[in-house]
Protein backbone atom coordinates (compact mmCIF):
# COMPACT_ATOMS: atom_id res chain seq x y z
CA MET A 1 88.34 131.93 114.50
CA ASN A 2 88.06 129.35 111.72
CA ASP A 3 88.09 125.67 112.79
CA GLU A 4 88.38 124.32 109.25
CA ILE A 5 91.67 122.66 108.34
CA ASN A 6 93.41 123.88 105.21
CA TYR A 7 94.45 120.88 103.09
CA SER A 8 95.20 122.95 100.00
CA ASN A 9 98.99 122.72 100.58
CA SER A 10 98.88 118.95 100.38
CA PRO A 11 99.97 117.48 97.02
CA LEU A 12 97.13 114.96 97.42
CA HIS A 13 94.49 117.72 97.58
CA GLY A 14 92.23 117.37 94.55
CA LEU A 15 94.30 114.53 93.08
CA GLY A 16 92.44 111.35 92.15
CA LEU A 17 93.89 107.90 92.76
CA LYS A 18 94.19 107.14 89.06
CA SER A 19 96.06 110.40 88.32
CA LEU A 20 98.39 109.75 91.26
CA LEU A 21 99.10 106.23 90.05
CA VAL A 22 99.69 107.31 86.44
CA GLU A 23 102.16 109.93 87.68
CA ILE A 24 104.26 107.56 89.78
CA VAL A 25 104.09 104.65 87.29
CA ASP A 26 105.24 106.93 84.47
CA HIS A 27 108.19 108.06 86.57
CA TYR A 28 109.22 104.83 88.38
CA GLY A 29 107.42 101.93 86.68
CA PHE A 30 105.64 98.95 88.22
CA GLU A 31 108.83 97.06 89.03
CA ILE A 32 110.16 99.79 91.34
CA LEU A 33 106.73 100.25 92.95
CA PHE A 34 106.55 96.54 93.76
CA ALA A 35 110.13 96.53 95.07
CA TYR A 36 109.47 99.43 97.47
CA LEU A 37 105.84 98.82 98.45
CA ASN A 38 105.57 95.03 98.15
CA ILE A 39 101.97 95.16 96.91
CA ASN A 40 101.10 92.36 94.47
CA CYS A 41 98.95 94.50 92.16
CA PHE A 42 102.25 96.00 90.96
CA LYS A 43 103.77 92.58 90.19
CA THR A 44 101.08 90.24 88.89
CA ASN A 45 99.74 91.49 85.53
CA PRO A 46 100.20 95.15 86.49
CA SER A 47 98.03 97.76 84.85
CA ILE A 48 96.73 101.14 85.94
CA ASN A 49 93.08 100.04 85.91
CA SER A 50 93.59 96.83 87.88
CA SER A 51 95.81 98.64 90.40
CA VAL A 52 93.25 101.42 90.87
CA LYS A 53 90.51 98.85 91.36
CA PHE A 54 92.56 97.02 94.03
CA LEU A 55 93.67 100.23 95.77
CA LYS A 56 90.11 101.57 95.98
CA LYS A 57 89.03 98.38 97.80
CA THR A 58 92.06 98.10 100.08
CA ASP A 59 92.63 100.99 102.50
CA TRP A 60 96.02 99.87 103.84
CA ALA A 61 97.45 99.55 100.30
CA ARG A 62 96.02 102.90 99.16
CA GLU A 63 97.47 104.64 102.21
CA LYS A 64 100.84 102.99 101.54
CA VAL A 65 100.83 104.26 97.93
CA GLU A 66 99.71 107.75 98.97
CA ALA A 67 102.48 107.93 101.60
CA PHE A 68 104.99 106.78 98.94
CA TYR A 69 103.70 109.55 96.66
CA LEU A 70 104.15 112.20 99.38
CA TYR A 71 107.50 111.17 100.81
CA GLU A 72 109.31 109.54 97.89
CA TYR A 73 107.81 111.06 94.73
CA LYS A 74 107.06 114.56 96.06
CA ASN A 75 110.06 114.32 98.43
CA LEU A 76 108.38 116.02 101.39
CA PRO A 77 110.02 115.82 104.83
CA ARG A 78 108.63 113.05 107.06
CA ALA A 79 105.48 113.92 108.98
CA SER A 80 105.44 114.52 112.71
CA TYR A 81 104.33 111.64 114.94
CA ASP A 82 100.82 113.12 115.32
CA GLN A 83 100.42 113.61 111.57
CA PHE A 84 101.99 110.25 110.70
CA SER A 85 99.27 108.42 112.63
CA LEU A 86 96.64 109.92 110.26
CA PRO A 87 95.93 108.60 106.76
CA PRO A 88 97.96 110.50 104.13
CA ARG A 89 94.96 112.38 102.73
CA GLU A 90 94.13 113.77 106.19
CA ARG A 91 97.64 114.98 106.98
CA VAL A 92 98.22 118.71 107.12
CA ILE A 93 101.32 119.82 105.25
CA PRO A 94 102.80 123.04 106.76
CA GLU A 95 102.80 126.06 104.46
CA ASP A 96 106.61 126.27 104.44
CA GLN A 97 107.01 122.71 103.08
CA LYS A 98 106.93 122.58 99.30
CA PRO A 99 107.15 119.43 97.14
CA GLY A 100 110.58 118.73 95.72
CA ASN A 101 111.90 116.64 92.87
CA PRO A 102 111.21 112.88 92.95
CA LYS A 103 113.83 110.77 94.72
CA LYS A 104 116.06 108.58 92.59
CA LEU A 105 115.09 104.98 93.43
CA SER A 106 116.69 101.73 92.33
CA LEU A 107 116.04 98.03 92.74
CA GLU A 108 119.33 97.67 94.66
CA ASP A 109 118.25 100.31 97.17
CA ALA A 110 114.88 98.58 97.54
CA GLU A 111 116.60 95.27 98.29
CA ARG A 112 118.91 96.89 100.84
CA LEU A 113 115.94 98.62 102.48
CA ARG A 114 114.00 95.34 102.63
CA GLU A 115 116.93 93.60 104.33
CA GLU A 116 117.27 96.41 106.90
CA ARG A 117 113.54 96.20 107.67
CA GLY A 118 113.79 92.43 108.06
CA ILE A 119 116.64 92.79 110.56
CA LYS A 120 114.73 95.43 112.58
CA SER A 121 111.61 93.26 112.56
CA ALA A 122 113.55 90.23 113.81
CA GLU A 123 115.08 92.34 116.59
CA ARG A 124 111.64 93.57 117.69
CA LEU A 125 110.32 90.01 117.73
CA ARG A 126 113.24 88.90 119.89
CA GLU A 127 112.58 91.73 122.33
CA LYS A 128 108.89 90.82 122.62
CA LYS A 129 109.45 87.10 123.05
CA PRO A 130 109.34 86.15 126.76
CA ALA A 131 112.42 84.36 128.08
CA THR A 132 110.38 81.89 130.11
CA ARG A 133 107.10 80.26 129.30
CA ASP A 134 104.11 81.08 131.41
CA ALA A 135 102.45 78.51 133.66
CA TRP A 136 99.39 78.12 131.43
CA SER A 137 101.36 77.12 128.33
CA GLU A 138 103.61 74.82 130.42
CA ARG A 139 100.61 72.97 131.80
CA PHE A 140 98.89 72.43 128.47
CA SER A 141 101.99 71.71 126.42
CA LYS A 142 102.75 68.66 128.60
CA LYS A 143 99.39 67.11 127.87
CA LYS A 144 99.05 65.46 124.49
CA ILE A 145 95.57 66.41 123.46
CA ASP A 146 94.36 64.80 120.25
CA PRO A 147 90.92 66.18 119.36
CA TRP A 148 90.35 63.33 116.85
CA ALA A 149 91.20 60.49 119.22
CA ARG A 150 88.40 58.63 120.95
């Protein structure tokens, strides 16, 4: 029995960050990448080299770009919950899933998606917010504490 995981079916297998970025920038452009990913390296003086430099230093941004590559550019079905919790390079793509054609993306769709995410985020915040204040915050909010006063 072999315990090694086969990553060879993953489109990210053997693909460098710069090659990945060149591929998606050639297809979509920096403007679409910024609209969908909201990462400033695609907005402020965008270039392949500066973006690669930023993405190599910033794990969360690199993982966001790699996930975009897998699920938008390569048009793979969404990962299972277990796989989705892993970074994109560590995800195992089943043998029966093959990359498709890149999705057609537009700035209008990106704006609509951003609005939907904002609404969902606001709903989640409302659900988390307690209806009543706890005793600790009540007690200390009544006192006017000025750390600079003598």
